[in-house]
């Protein structure tokens, strides 16, 4: 990925929400309007970003991660087998014991805190 395009869609001042769209040179479309808008709370997500340039840089970093996810989703949409499995999961409910789904690295990370 060489470029990330950021579009600020809206700012909802009562809640402090910044609504953004992203695209990159690796996503199927380079137009951010072709992808869903995501909401961020700059006061929580980037509390140390105080200028427009600092906030935009933080948004762009977030956009880089979002675009990496978009590329994975676009690839998955071409996997008919996986798409079928996901479609067949609709309506399923399942409960897990946390101990059954926690990996040893998760346990190590939580002990370090």
PDB file of N, CA and C in Angstrom:
ATOM      1  N   UNK A   1       0.858  -1.177   0.000  1.00  0.00           N
ATOM      2  CA  UNK A   1       0.000   0.000   0.000  1.00  0.00           C
ATOM      3  C   UNK A   1       0.900   1.235   0.000  1.00  0.00           C
ATOM      4  N   UNK A   2       0.623   2.104  -0.964  1.00  0.00           N
ATOM      5  CA  UNK A   2       1.397   3.337  -1.064  1.00  0.00           C
ATOM      6  C   UNK A   2       0.615   4.579  -0.660  1.00  0.00           C
ATOM      7  N   UNK A   3      -0.702   4.547  -0.888  1.00  0.00           N
ATOM      8  CA  UNK A   3      -1.524   5.716  -0.560  1.00  0.00           C
ATOM      9  C   UNK A   3      -2.813   5.304   0.139  1.00  0.00           C
ATOM     10  N   UNK A   4      -3.273   6.167   1.008  1.00  0.00           N
ATOM     11  CA  UNK A   4      -4.569   6.015   1.679  1.00  0.00           C
ATOM     12  C   UNK A   4      -5.327   7.308   1.431  1.00  0.00           C
ATOM     13  N   UNK A   5      -6.563   7.177   0.958  1.00  0.00           N
ATOM     14  CA  UNK A   5      -7.410   8.347   0.752  1.00  0.00           C
ATOM     15  C   UNK A   5      -8.407   8.402   1.902  1.00  0.00           C
ATOM     16  N   UNK A   6      -8.445   9.540   2.573  1.00  0.00           N
ATOM     17  CA  UNK A   6      -9.322   9.759   3.723  1.00  0.00           C
ATOM     18  C   UNK A   6     -10.382  10.763   3.321  1.00  0.00           C
ATOM     19  N   UNK A   7     -11.633  10.453   3.642  1.00  0.00           N
ATOM     20  CA  UNK A   7     -12.711  11.418   3.449  1.00  0.00           C
ATOM     21  C   UNK A   7     -13.414  11.598   4.791  1.00  0.00           C
ATOM     22  N   UNK A   8     -13.413  12.823   5.291  1.00  0.00           N
ATOM     23  CA  UNK A   8     -14.164  13.130   6.509  1.00  0.00           C
ATOM     24  C   UNK A   8     -15.590  13.412   6.070  1.00  0.00           C
ATOM     25  N   UNK A   9     -16.501  12.573   6.503  1.00  0.00           N
ATOM     26  CA  UNK A   9     -17.890  12.654   6.056  1.00  0.00           C
ATOM     27  C   UNK A   9     -18.699  13.616   6.919  1.00  0.00           C
ATOM     28  N   UNK A  10     -18.441  13.575   8.234  1.00  0.00           N
ATOM     29  CA  UNK A  10     -19.258  14.394   9.132  1.00  0.00           C
ATOM     30  C   UNK A  10     -18.577  14.485  10.489  1.00  0.00           C
ATOM     31  N   UNK A  11     -18.937  15.498  11.229  1.00  0.00           N
ATOM     32  CA  UNK A  11     -18.555  15.607  12.631  1.00  0.00           C
ATOM     33  C   UNK A  11     -19.826  15.852  13.415  1.00  0.00           C
ATOM     34  N   UNK A  12     -20.133  14.951  14.317  1.00  0.00           N
ATOM     35  CA  UNK A  12     -21.321  15.092  15.154  1.00  0.00           C
ATOM     36  C   UNK A  12     -20.870  15.663  16.497  1.00  0.00           C
ATOM     37  N   UNK A  13     -20.963  16.984  16.623  1.00  0.00           N
ATOM     38  CA  UNK A  13     -20.416  17.651  17.798  1.00  0.00           C
ATOM     39  C   UNK A  13     -21.071  17.253  19.119  1.00  0.00           C
ATOM     40  N   UNK A  14     -22.374  16.958  19.164  1.00  0.00           N
ATOM     41  CA  UNK A  14     -22.929  16.598  20.478  1.00  0.00           C
ATOM     42  C   UNK A  14     -22.243  15.379  21.098  1.00  0.00           C
ATOM     43  N   UNK A  15     -21.821  14.430  20.251  1.00  0.00           N
ATOM     44  CA  UNK A  15     -21.196  13.210  20.743  1.00  0.00           C
ATOM     45  C   UNK A  15     -19.692  13.184  20.511  1.00  0.00           C
ATOM     46  N   UNK A  16     -19.185  14.116  19.752  1.00  0.00           N
ATOM     47  CA  UNK A  16     -17.771  14.143  19.429  1.00  0.00           C
ATOM     48  C   UNK A  16     -17.356  13.086  18.430  1.00  0.00           C
ATOM     49  N   UNK A  17     -18.305  12.638  17.592  1.00  0.00           N
ATOM     50  CA  UNK A  17     -18.018  11.588  16.612  1.00  0.00           C
ATOM     51  C   UNK A  17     -17.491  12.185  15.316  1.00  0.00           C
ATOM     52  N   UNK A  18     -16.396  11.627  14.814  1.00  0.00           N
ATOM     53  CA  UNK A  18     -15.849  11.975  13.513  1.00  0.00           C
ATOM     54  C   UNK A  18     -16.129  10.794  12.591  1.00  0.00           C
ATOM     55  N   UNK A  19     -16.850  11.039  11.514  1.00  0.00           N
ATOM     56  CA  UNK A  19     -17.265   9.962  10.609  1.00  0.00           C
ATOM     57  C   UNK A  19     -16.408  10.036   9.350  1.00  0.00           C
ATOM     58  N   UNK A  20     -15.773   8.911   9.011  1.00  0.00           N
ATOM     59  CA  UNK A  20     -14.777   8.886   7.939  1.00  0.00           C
ATOM     60  C   UNK A  20     -15.010   7.712   6.993  1.00  0.00           C
ATOM     61  N   UNK A  21     -14.504   7.873   5.787  1.00  0.00           N
ATOM     62  CA  UNK A  21     -14.461   6.802   4.785  1.00  0.00           C
ATOM     63  C   UNK A  21     -13.026   6.711   4.279  1.00  0.00           C
ATOM     64  N   UNK A  22     -12.649   5.504   3.827  1.00  0.00           N
ATOM     65  CA  UNK A  22     -11.281   5.276   3.389  1.00  0.00           C
ATOM     66  C   UNK A  22     -11.231   4.439   2.119  1.00  0.00           C
ATOM     67  N   UNK A  23     -10.163   4.623   1.363  1.00  0.00           N
ATOM     68  CA  UNK A  23      -9.815   3.765   0.229  1.00  0.00           C
ATOM     69  C   UNK A  23      -8.301   3.852   0.086  1.00  0.00           C
ATOM     70  N   UNK A  24      -7.743   2.978  -0.731  1.00  0.00           N
ATOM     71  CA  UNK A  24      -6.299   3.022  -0.953  1.00  0.00           C
ATOM     72  C   UNK A  24      -5.984   2.544  -2.358  1.00  0.00           C
ATOM     73  N   UNK A  25      -4.695   2.549  -2.657  1.00  0.00           N
ATOM     74  CA  UNK A  25      -4.281   2.038  -3.956  1.00  0.00           C
ATOM     75  C   UNK A  25      -4.331   0.516  -4.019  1.00  0.00           C
ATOM     76  N   UNK A  26      -4.634  -0.149  -2.904  1.00  0.00           N
ATOM     77  CA  UNK A  26      -4.752  -1.613  -2.907  1.00  0.00           C
ATOM     78  C   UNK A  26      -6.200  -2.088  -2.809  1.00  0.00           C
ATOM     79  N   UNK A  27      -7.134  -1.194  -2.482  1.00  0.00           N
ATOM     80  CA  UNK A  27      -8.547  -1.590  -2.456  1.00  0.00           C
ATOM     81  C   UNK A  27      -9.075  -1.617  -3.898  1.00  0.00           C
ATOM     82  N   UNK A  28     -10.159  -2.344  -4.102  1.00  0.00           N
ATOM     83  CA  UNK A  28     -10.707  -2.487  -5.460  1.00  0.00           C
ATOM     84  C   UNK A  28     -11.062  -1.130  -6.066  1.00  0.00           C
ATOM     85  N   UNK A  29     -11.513  -0.211  -5.227  1.00  0.00           N
ATOM     86  CA  UNK A  29     -11.835   1.140  -5.683  1.00  0.00           C
ATOM     87  C   UNK A  29     -10.958   2.134  -4.931  1.00  0.00           C
ATOM     88  N   UNK A  30     -10.562   3.181  -5.591  1.00  0.00           N
ATOM     89  CA  UNK A  30      -9.784   4.227  -4.916  1.00  0.00           C
ATOM     90  C   UNK A  30     -10.686   5.337  -4.384  1.00  0.00           C
ATOM     91  N   UNK A  31     -12.001   5.148  -4.525  1.00  0.00           N
ATOM     92  CA  UNK A  31     -12.975   6.152  -4.089  1.00  0.00           C
ATOM     93  C   UNK A  31     -13.504   5.785  -2.699  1.00  0.00           C
ATOM     94  N   UNK A  32     -13.232   6.583  -1.681  1.00  0.00           N
ATOM     95  CA  UNK A  32     -13.728   6.272  -0.337  1.00  0.00           C
ATOM     96  C   UNK A  32     -15.243   6.147  -0.254  1.00  0.00           C
ATOM     97  N   UNK A  33     -15.967   6.816  -1.149  1.00  0.00           N
ATOM     98  CA  UNK A  33     -17.431   6.731  -1.120  1.00  0.00           C
ATOM     99  C   UNK A  33     -17.938   5.330  -1.458  1.00  0.00           C
ATOM    100  N   UNK A  34     -17.074   4.478  -1.983  1.00  0.00           N
ATOM    101  CA  UNK A  34     -17.467   3.109  -2.309  1.00  0.00           C
ATOM    102  C   UNK A  34     -17.423   2.183  -1.100  1.00  0.00           C
ATOM    103  N   UNK A  35     -17.010   2.705   0.056  1.00  0.00           N
ATOM    104  CA  UNK A  35     -16.867   1.891   1.257  1.00  0.00           C
ATOM    105  C   UNK A  35     -17.650   2.482   2.410  1.00  0.00           C
ATOM    106  N   UNK A  36     -18.019   1.646   3.385  1.00  0.00           N
ATOM    107  CA  UNK A  36     -18.830   2.132   4.505  1.00  0.00           C
ATOM    108  C   UNK A  36     -18.116   3.194   5.334  1.00  0.00           C
ATOM    109  N   UNK A  37     -18.893   4.074   5.904  1.00  0.00           N
ATOM    110  CA  UNK A  37     -18.363   5.095   6.806  1.00  0.00           C
ATOM    111  C   UNK A  37     -18.134   4.472   8.180  1.00  0.00           C
ATOM    112  N   UNK A  38     -17.074   4.915   8.824  1.00  0.00           N
ATOM    113  CA  UNK A  38     -16.742   4.452  10.171  1.00  0.00           C
ATOM    114  C   UNK A  38     -16.703   5.644  11.109  1.00  0.00           C
ATOM    115  N   UNK A  39     -17.050   5.402  12.366  1.00  0.00           N
ATOM    116  CA  UNK A  39     -17.133   6.466  13.356  1.00  0.00           C
ATOM    117  C   UNK A  39     -15.995   6.342  14.358  1.00  0.00           C
ATOM    118  N   UNK A  40     -15.380   7.469  14.648  1.00  0.00           N
ATOM    119  CA  UNK A  40     -14.303   7.528  15.637  1.00  0.00           C
ATOM    120  C   UNK A  40     -14.633   8.610  16.658  1.00  0.00           C
ATOM    121  N   UNK A  41     -14.116   8.452  17.859  1.00  0.00           N
ATOM    122  CA  UNK A  41     -14.211   9.482  18.889  1.00  0.00           C
ATOM    123  C   UNK A  41     -12.799   9.979  19.157  1.00  0.00           C
ATOM    124  N   UNK A  42     -12.389  11.057  18.489  1.00  0.00           N
ATOM    125  CA  UNK A  42     -11.014  11.544  18.614  1.00  0.00           C
ATOM    126  C   UNK A  42     -10.574  11.803  20.057  1.00  0.00           C
ATOM    127  N   UNK A  43     -11.467  12.256  20.907  1.00  0.00           N
ATOM    128  CA  UNK A  43     -11.087  12.542  22.294  1.00  0.00           C
ATOM    129  C   UNK A  43     -10.651  11.271  23.025  1.00  0.00           C
ATOM    130  N   UNK A  44     -11.185  10.133  22.608  1.00  0.00           N
ATOM    131  CA  UNK A  44     -10.847   8.856  23.230  1.00  0.00           C
ATOM    132  C   UNK A  44      -9.758   8.141  22.435  1.00  0.00           C
ATOM    133  N   UNK A  45      -9.915   8.108  21.119  1.00  0.00           N
ATOM    134  CA  UNK A  45      -9.005   7.352  20.266  1.00  0.00           C
ATOM    135  C   UNK A  45      -7.653   8.035  20.123  1.00  0.00           C
ATOM    136  N   UNK A  46      -7.654   9.341  19.967  1.00  0.00           N
ATOM    137  CA  UNK A  46      -6.412  10.107  19.770  1.00  0.00           C
ATOM    138  C   UNK A  46      -6.392  11.320  20.696  1.00  0.00           C
ATOM    139  N   UNK A  47      -6.323  11.115  21.996  1.00  0.00           N
ATOM    140  CA  UNK A  47      -6.421  12.247  22.932  1.00  0.00           C
ATOM    141  C   UNK A  47      -5.276  13.253  22.824  1.00  0.00           C
ATOM    142  N   UNK A  48      -4.141  12.834  22.307  1.00  0.00           N
ATOM    143  CA  UNK A  48      -2.995  13.740  22.223  1.00  0.00           C
ATOM    144  C   UNK A  48      -2.923  14.493  20.895  1.00  0.00           C
ATOM    145  N   UNK A  49      -3.830  14.191  19.976  1.00  0.00           N
ATOM    146  CA  UNK A  49      -3.872  14.895  18.689  1.00  0.00           C
ATOM    147  C   UNK A  49      -4.723  16.151  18.862  1.00  0.00           C
ATOM    148  N   UNK A  50      -4.091  17.317  18.710  1.00  0.00           N
ATOM    149  CA  UNK A  50      -4.784  18.574  18.996  1.00  0.00           C
ATOM    150  C   UNK A  50      -4.935  19.507  17.807  1.00  0.00           C
ATOM    151  N   UNK A  51      -4.152  19.296  16.759  1.00  0.00           N
ATOM    152  CA  UNK A  51      -4.264  20.150  15.582  1.00  0.00           C
ATOM    153  C   UNK A  51      -4.913  19.357  14.451  1.00  0.00           C
ATOM    154  N   UNK A  52      -5.367  20.075  13.442  1.00  0.00           N
ATOM    155  CA  UNK A  52      -5.968  19.400  12.289  1.00  0.00           C
ATOM    156  C   UNK A  52      -4.984  18.416  11.663  1.00  0.00           C
ATOM    157  N   UNK A  53      -3.731  18.821  11.517  1.00  0.00           N
ATOM    158  CA  UNK A  53      -2.721  17.948  10.906  1.00  0.00           C
ATOM    159  C   UNK A  53      -2.496  16.683  11.742  1.00  0.00           C
ATOM    160  N   UNK A  54      -2.448  16.845  13.070  1.00  0.00           N
ATOM    161  CA  UNK A  54      -2.247  15.679  13.941  1.00  0.00           C
ATOM    162  C   UNK A  54      -3.438  14.732  13.876  1.00  0.00           C
ATOM    163  N   UNK A  55      -4.636  15.289  13.882  1.00  0.00           N
ATOM    164  CA  UNK A  55      -5.842  14.453  13.818  1.00  0.00           C
ATOM    165  C   UNK A  55      -5.918  13.739  12.480  1.00  0.00           C
ATOM    166  N   UNK A  56      -5.643  14.458  11.389  1.00  0.00           N
ATOM    167  CA  UNK A  56      -5.689  13.824  10.062  1.00  0.00           C
ATOM    168  C   UNK A  56      -4.654  12.703   9.937  1.00  0.00           C
ATOM    169  N   UNK A  57      -3.490  12.891  10.523  1.00  0.00           N
ATOM    170  CA  UNK A  57      -2.477  11.840  10.486  1.00  0.00           C
ATOM    171  C   UNK A  57      -2.964  10.601  11.240  1.00  0.00           C
ATOM    172  N   UNK A  58      -3.606  10.813  12.373  1.00  0.00           N
ATOM    173  CA  UNK A  58      -4.171   9.697  13.139  1.00  0.00           C
ATOM    174  C   UNK A  58      -5.279   9.001  12.353  1.00  0.00           C
ATOM    175  N   UNK A  59      -6.126   9.800  11.728  1.00  0.00           N
ATOM    176  CA  UNK A  59      -7.200   9.234  10.905  1.00  0.00           C
ATOM    177  C   UNK A  59      -6.593   8.423   9.760  1.00  0.00           C
ATOM    178  N   UNK A  60      -5.557   8.944   9.132  1.00  0.00           N
ATOM    179  CA  UNK A  60      -4.910   8.235   8.024  1.00  0.00           C
ATOM    180  C   UNK A  60      -4.302   6.916   8.485  1.00  0.00           C
ATOM    181  N   UNK A  61      -3.708   6.903   9.683  1.00  0.00           N
ATOM    182  CA  UNK A  61      -3.162   5.649  10.226  1.00  0.00           C
ATOM    183  C   UNK A  61      -4.285   4.635  10.434  1.00  0.00           C
ATOM    184  N   UNK A  62      -5.396   5.105  10.976  1.00  0.00           N
ATOM    185  CA  UNK A  62      -6.553   4.219  11.145  1.00  0.00           C
ATOM    186  C   UNK A  62      -7.024   3.729   9.782  1.00  0.00           C
ATOM    187  N   UNK A  63      -7.034   4.627   8.811  1.00  0.00           N
ATOM    188  CA  UNK A  63      -7.453   4.274   7.459  1.00  0.00           C
ATOM    189  C   UNK A  63      -6.568   3.227   6.817  1.00  0.00           C
ATOM    190  N   UNK A  64      -5.295   3.257   7.118  1.00  0.00           N
ATOM    191  CA  UNK A  64      -4.389   2.242   6.585  1.00  0.00           C
ATOM    192  C   UNK A  64      -4.825   0.858   7.068  1.00  0.00           C
ATOM    193  N   UNK A  65      -5.138   0.745   8.357  1.00  0.00           N
ATOM    194  CA  UNK A  65      -5.610  -0.530   8.897  1.00  0.00           C
ATOM    195  C   UNK A  65      -6.949  -0.928   8.284  1.00  0.00           C
ATOM    196  N   UNK A  66      -7.841   0.038   8.145  1.00  0.00           N
ATOM    197  CA  UNK A  66      -9.156  -0.239   7.556  1.00  0.00           C
ATOM    198  C   UNK A  66      -8.990  -0.746   6.124  1.00  0.00           C
ATOM    199  N   UNK A  67      -8.126  -0.120   5.361  1.00  0.00           N
ATOM    200  CA  UNK A  67      -7.923  -0.530   3.963  1.00  0.00           C
ATOM    201  C   UNK A  67      -7.328  -1.935   3.871  1.00  0.00           C
ATOM    202  N   UNK A  68      -6.445  -2.277   4.801  1.00  0.00           N
ATOM    203  CA  UNK A  68      -5.918  -3.644   4.837  1.00  0.00           C
ATOM    204  C   UNK A  68      -7.054  -4.639   5.073  1.00  0.00           C
ATOM    205  N   UNK A  69      -8.001  -4.287   5.942  1.00  0.00           N
ATOM    206  CA  UNK A  69      -9.158  -5.141   6.192  1.00  0.00           C
ATOM    207  C   UNK A  69     -10.066  -5.202   4.969  1.00  0.00           C
ATOM    208  N   UNK A  70     -10.257  -4.083   4.294  1.00  0.00           N
ATOM    209  CA  UNK A  70     -11.094  -4.055   3.087  1.00  0.00           C
ATOM    210  C   UNK A  70     -10.537  -5.002   2.041  1.00  0.00           C
ATOM    211  N   UNK A  71      -9.219  -4.990   1.855  1.00  0.00           N
ATOM    212  CA  UNK A  71      -8.585  -5.884   0.870  1.00  0.00           C
ATOM    213  C   UNK A  71      -8.867  -7.345   1.234  1.00  0.00           C
ATOM    214  N   UNK A  72      -8.786  -7.685   2.509  1.00  0.00           N
ATOM    215  CA  UNK A  72      -9.078  -9.059   2.948  1.00  0.00           C
ATOM    216  C   UNK A  72     -10.534  -9.410   2.697  1.00  0.00           C
ATOM    217  N   UNK A  73     -11.432  -8.475   2.960  1.00  0.00           N
ATOM    218  CA  UNK A  73     -12.864  -8.717   2.732  1.00  0.00           C
ATOM    219  C   UNK A  73     -13.138  -8.893   1.248  1.00  0.00           C
ATOM    220  N   UNK A  74     -12.514  -8.059   0.433  1.00  0.00           N
ATOM    221  CA  UNK A  74     -12.706  -8.181  -1.013  1.00  0.00           C
ATOM    222  C   UNK A  74     -12.210  -9.531  -1.513  1.00  0.00           C
ATOM    223  N   UNK A  75     -11.100 -10.016  -0.977  1.00  0.00           N
ATOM    224  CA  UNK A  75     -10.584 -11.338  -1.361  1.00  0.00           C
ATOM    225  C   UNK A  75     -11.529 -12.439  -0.894  1.00  0.00           C
ATOM    226  N   UNK A  76     -12.081 -12.289   0.302  1.00  0.00           N
ATOM    227  CA  UNK A  76     -12.994 -13.298   0.832  1.00  0.00           C
ATOM    228  C   UNK A  76     -14.255 -13.402  -0.025  1.00  0.00           C
ATOM    229  N   UNK A  77     -14.708 -12.286  -0.554  1.00  0.00           N
ATOM    230  CA  UNK A  77     -15.913 -12.301  -1.387  1.00  0.00           C
ATOM    231  C   UNK A  77     -15.722 -13.145  -2.636  1.00  0.00           C
ATOM    232  N   UNK A  78     -14.474 -13.386  -3.027  1.00  0.00           N
ATOM    233  CA  UNK A  78     -14.186 -14.233  -4.182  1.00  0.00           C
ATOM    234  C   UNK A  78     -14.044 -15.704  -3.797  1.00  0.00           C
ATOM    235  N   UNK A  79     -14.172 -16.016  -2.509  1.00  0.00           N
ATOM    236  CA  UNK A  79     -14.056 -17.388  -2.016  1.00  0.00           C
ATOM    237  C   UNK A  79     -15.469 -17.935  -1.779  1.00  0.00           C
ATOM    238  N   UNK A  80     -16.023 -18.605  -2.798  1.00  0.00           N
ATOM    239  CA  UNK A  80     -17.406 -19.090  -2.722  1.00  0.00           C
ATOM    240  C   UNK A  80     -17.632 -20.013  -1.536  1.00  0.00           C
ATOM    241  N   UNK A  81     -16.655 -20.871  -1.225  1.00  0.00           N
ATOM    242  CA  UNK A  81     -16.803 -21.796  -0.105  1.00  0.00           C
ATOM    243  C   UNK A  81     -16.978 -21.074   1.215  1.00  0.00           C
ATOM    244  N   UNK A  82     -16.140 -20.079   1.450  1.00  0.00           N
ATOM    245  CA  UNK A  82     -16.226 -19.336   2.703  1.00  0.00           C
ATOM    246  C   UNK A  82     -17.504 -18.507   2.760  1.00  0.00           C
ATOM    247  N   UNK A  83     -17.882 -17.924   1.642  1.00  0.00           N
ATOM    248  CA  UNK A  83     -19.119 -17.139   1.610  1.00  0.00           C
ATOM    249  C   UNK A  83     -20.331 -18.020   1.930  1.00  0.00           C
ATOM    250  N   UNK A  84     -20.324 -19.249   1.445  1.00  0.00           N
ATOM    251  CA  UNK A  84     -21.415 -20.191   1.732  1.00  0.00           C
ATOM    252  C   UNK A  84     -21.450 -20.515   3.219  1.00  0.00           C
ATOM    253  N   UNK A  85     -20.287 -20.802   3.795  1.00  0.00           N
ATOM    254  CA  UNK A  85     -20.226 -21.099   5.233  1.00  0.00           C
ATOM    255  C   UNK A  85     -20.780 -19.930   6.041  1.00  0.00           C
ATOM    256  N   UNK A  86     -20.350 -18.723   5.719  1.00  0.00           N
ATOM    257  CA  UNK A  86     -20.813 -17.546   6.460  1.00  0.00           C
ATOM    258  C   UNK A  86     -22.316 -17.351   6.312  1.00  0.00           C
ATOM    259  N   UNK A  87     -22.836 -17.540   5.120  1.00  0.00           N
ATOM    260  CA  UNK A  87     -24.275 -17.385   4.893  1.00  0.00           C
ATOM    261  C   UNK A  87     -25.061 -18.420   5.686  1.00  0.00           C
ATOM    262  N   UNK A  88     -24.529 -19.628   5.778  1.00  0.00           N
ATOM    263  CA  UNK A  88     -25.221 -20.693   6.510  1.00  0.00           C
ATOM    264  C   UNK A  88     -25.164 -20.497   8.024  1.00  0.00           C
ATOM    265  N   UNK A  89     -24.286 -19.645   8.501  1.00  0.00           N
ATOM    266  CA  UNK A  89     -24.169 -19.383   9.941  1.00  0.00           C
ATOM    267  C   UNK A  89     -25.256 -18.445  10.462  1.00  0.00           C
ATOM    268  N   UNK A  90     -25.940 -17.756   9.579  1.00  0.00           N
ATOM    269  CA  UNK A  90     -26.950 -16.782   9.992  1.00  0.00           C
ATOM    270  C   UNK A  90     -28.012 -17.469  10.849  1.00  0.00           C
ATOM    271  N   UNK A  91     -28.276 -16.889  11.993  1.00  0.00           N
ATOM    272  CA  UNK A  91     -29.275 -17.422  12.907  1.00  0.00           C
ATOM    273  C   UNK A  91     -28.687 -18.339  13.965  1.00  0.00           C
ATOM    274  N   UNK A  92     -27.435 -18.738  13.826  1.00  0.00           N
ATOM    275  CA  UNK A  92     -26.802 -19.608  14.821  1.00  0.00           C
ATOM    276  C   UNK A  92     -26.495 -18.831  16.086  1.00  0.00           C
ATOM    277  N   UNK A  93     -26.672 -19.497  17.225  1.00  0.00           N
ATOM    278  CA  UNK A  93     -26.299 -18.950  18.522  1.00  0.00           C
ATOM    279  C   UNK A  93     -25.468 -20.007  19.230  1.00  0.00           C
ATOM    280  N   UNK A  94     -24.357 -19.584  19.806  1.00  0.00           N
ATOM    281  CA  UNK A  94     -23.497 -20.532  20.496  1.00  0.00           C
ATOM    282  C   UNK A  94     -22.825 -19.819  21.655  1.00  0.00           C
ATOM    283  N   UNK A  95     -22.692 -20.523  22.789  1.00  0.00           N
ATOM    284  CA  UNK A  95     -22.036 -19.974  23.971  1.00  0.00           C
ATOM    285  C   UNK A  95     -20.713 -20.698  24.168  1.00  0.00           C
ATOM    286  N   UNK A  96     -19.683 -19.921  24.492  1.00  0.00           N
ATOM    287  CA  UNK A  96     -18.351 -20.484  24.697  1.00  0.00           C
ATOM    288  C   UNK A  96     -17.878 -20.202  26.110  1.00  0.00           C
ATOM    289  N   UNK A  97     -17.161 -21.136  26.686  1.00  0.00           N
ATOM    290  CA  UNK A  97     -16.442 -20.880  27.927  1.00  0.00           C
ATOM    291  C   UNK A  97     -15.196 -20.091  27.557  1.00  0.00           C
ATOM    292  N   UNK A  98     -14.951 -19.009  28.249  1.00  0.00           N
ATOM    293  CA  UNK A  98     -13.803 -18.169  27.935  1.00  0.00           C
ATOM    294  C   UNK A  98     -12.513 -18.989  28.012  1.00  0.00           C
ATOM    295  N   UNK A  99     -12.417 -19.901  28.957  1.00  0.00           N
ATOM    296  CA  UNK A  99     -11.206 -20.713  29.091  1.00  0.00           C
ATOM    297  C   UNK A  99     -10.968 -21.583  27.858  1.00  0.00           C
ATOM    298  N   UNK A 100     -12.030 -21.924  27.131  1.00  0.00           N
ATOM    299  CA  UNK A 100     -11.881 -22.745  25.930  1.00  0.00           C
ATOM    300  C   UNK A 100     -11.409 -21.941  24.717  1.00  0.00           C
ATOM    301  N   UNK A 101     -11.612 -20.641  24.753  1.00  0.00           N
ATOM    302  CA  UNK A 101     -11.245 -19.830  23.589  1.00  0.00           C
ATOM    303  C   UNK A 101     -10.070 -18.889  23.866  1.00  0.00           C
ATOM    304  N   UNK A 102      -9.506 -18.968  25.053  1.00  0.00           N
ATOM    305  CA  UNK A 102      -8.368 -18.142  25.423  1.00  0.00           C
ATOM    306  C   UNK A 102      -7.086 -18.900  25.108  1.00  0.00           C
ATOM    307  N   UNK A 103      -6.200 -18.254  24.367  1.00  0.00           N
ATOM    308  CA  UNK A 103      -4.925 -18.884  24.043  1.00  0.00           C
ATOM    309  C   UNK A 103      -3.915 -18.603  25.140  1.00  0.00           C
ATOM    310  N   UNK A 104      -2.843 -19.332  25.147  1.00  0.00           N
ATOM    311  CA  UNK A 104      -1.832 -19.140  26.187  1.00  0.00           C
ATOM    312  C   UNK A 104      -1.219 -17.746  26.118  1.00  0.00           C
ATOM    313  N   UNK A 105      -1.105 -17.164  24.922  1.00  0.00           N
ATOM    314  CA  UNK A 105      -0.558 -15.808  24.831  1.00  0.00           C
ATOM    315  C   UNK A 105      -1.533 -14.795  25.406  1.00  0.00           C
ATOM    316  N   UNK A 106      -2.860 -15.045  25.259  1.00  0.00           N
ATOM    317  CA  UNK A 106      -3.844 -14.154  25.874  1.00  0.00           C
ATOM    318  C   UNK A 106      -3.682 -14.162  27.389  1.00  0.00           C
ATOM    319  N   UNK A 107      -3.479 -15.364  27.945  1.00  0.00           N
ATOM    320  CA  UNK A 107      -3.328 -15.488  29.391  1.00  0.00           C
ATOM    321  C   UNK A 107      -2.054 -14.797  29.855  1.00  0.00           C
ATOM    322  N   UNK A 108      -0.976 -14.929  29.103  1.00  0.00           N
ATOM    323  CA  UNK A 108       0.284 -14.291  29.441  1.00  0.00           C
ATOM    324  C   UNK A 108       0.130 -12.778  29.400  1.00  0.00           C
ATOM    325  N   UNK A 109      -0.538 -12.260  28.367  1.00  0.00           N
ATOM    326  CA  UNK A 109      -0.733 -10.823  28.246  1.00  0.00           C
ATOM    327  C   UNK A 109      -1.522 -10.270  29.418  1.00  0.00           C
ATOM    328  N   UNK A 110      -2.573 -10.983  29.834  1.00  0.00           N
ATOM    329  CA  UNK A 110      -3.399 -10.481  30.931  1.00  0.00           C
ATOM    330  C   UNK A 110      -2.656 -10.529  32.247  1.00  0.00           C
ATOM    331  N   UNK A 111      -1.720 -11.477  32.422  1.00  0.00           N
ATOM    332  CA  UNK A 111      -0.966 -11.568  33.658  1.00  0.00           C
ATOM    333  C   UNK A 111       0.058 -10.447  33.779  1.00  0.00           C
ATOM    334  N   UNK A 112       0.499  -9.893  32.657  1.00  0.00           N
ATOM    335  CA  UNK A 112       1.510  -8.852  32.664  1.00  0.00           C
ATOM    336  C   UNK A 112       0.951  -7.518  33.146  1.00  0.00           C
ATOM    337  N   UNK A 113      -0.351  -7.345  33.103  1.00  0.00           N
ATOM    338  CA  UNK A 113      -0.990  -6.081  33.460  1.00  0.00           C
ATOM    339  C   UNK A 113      -0.955  -5.873  34.909  1.00  0.00           C
TER     340      UNK A 113
END
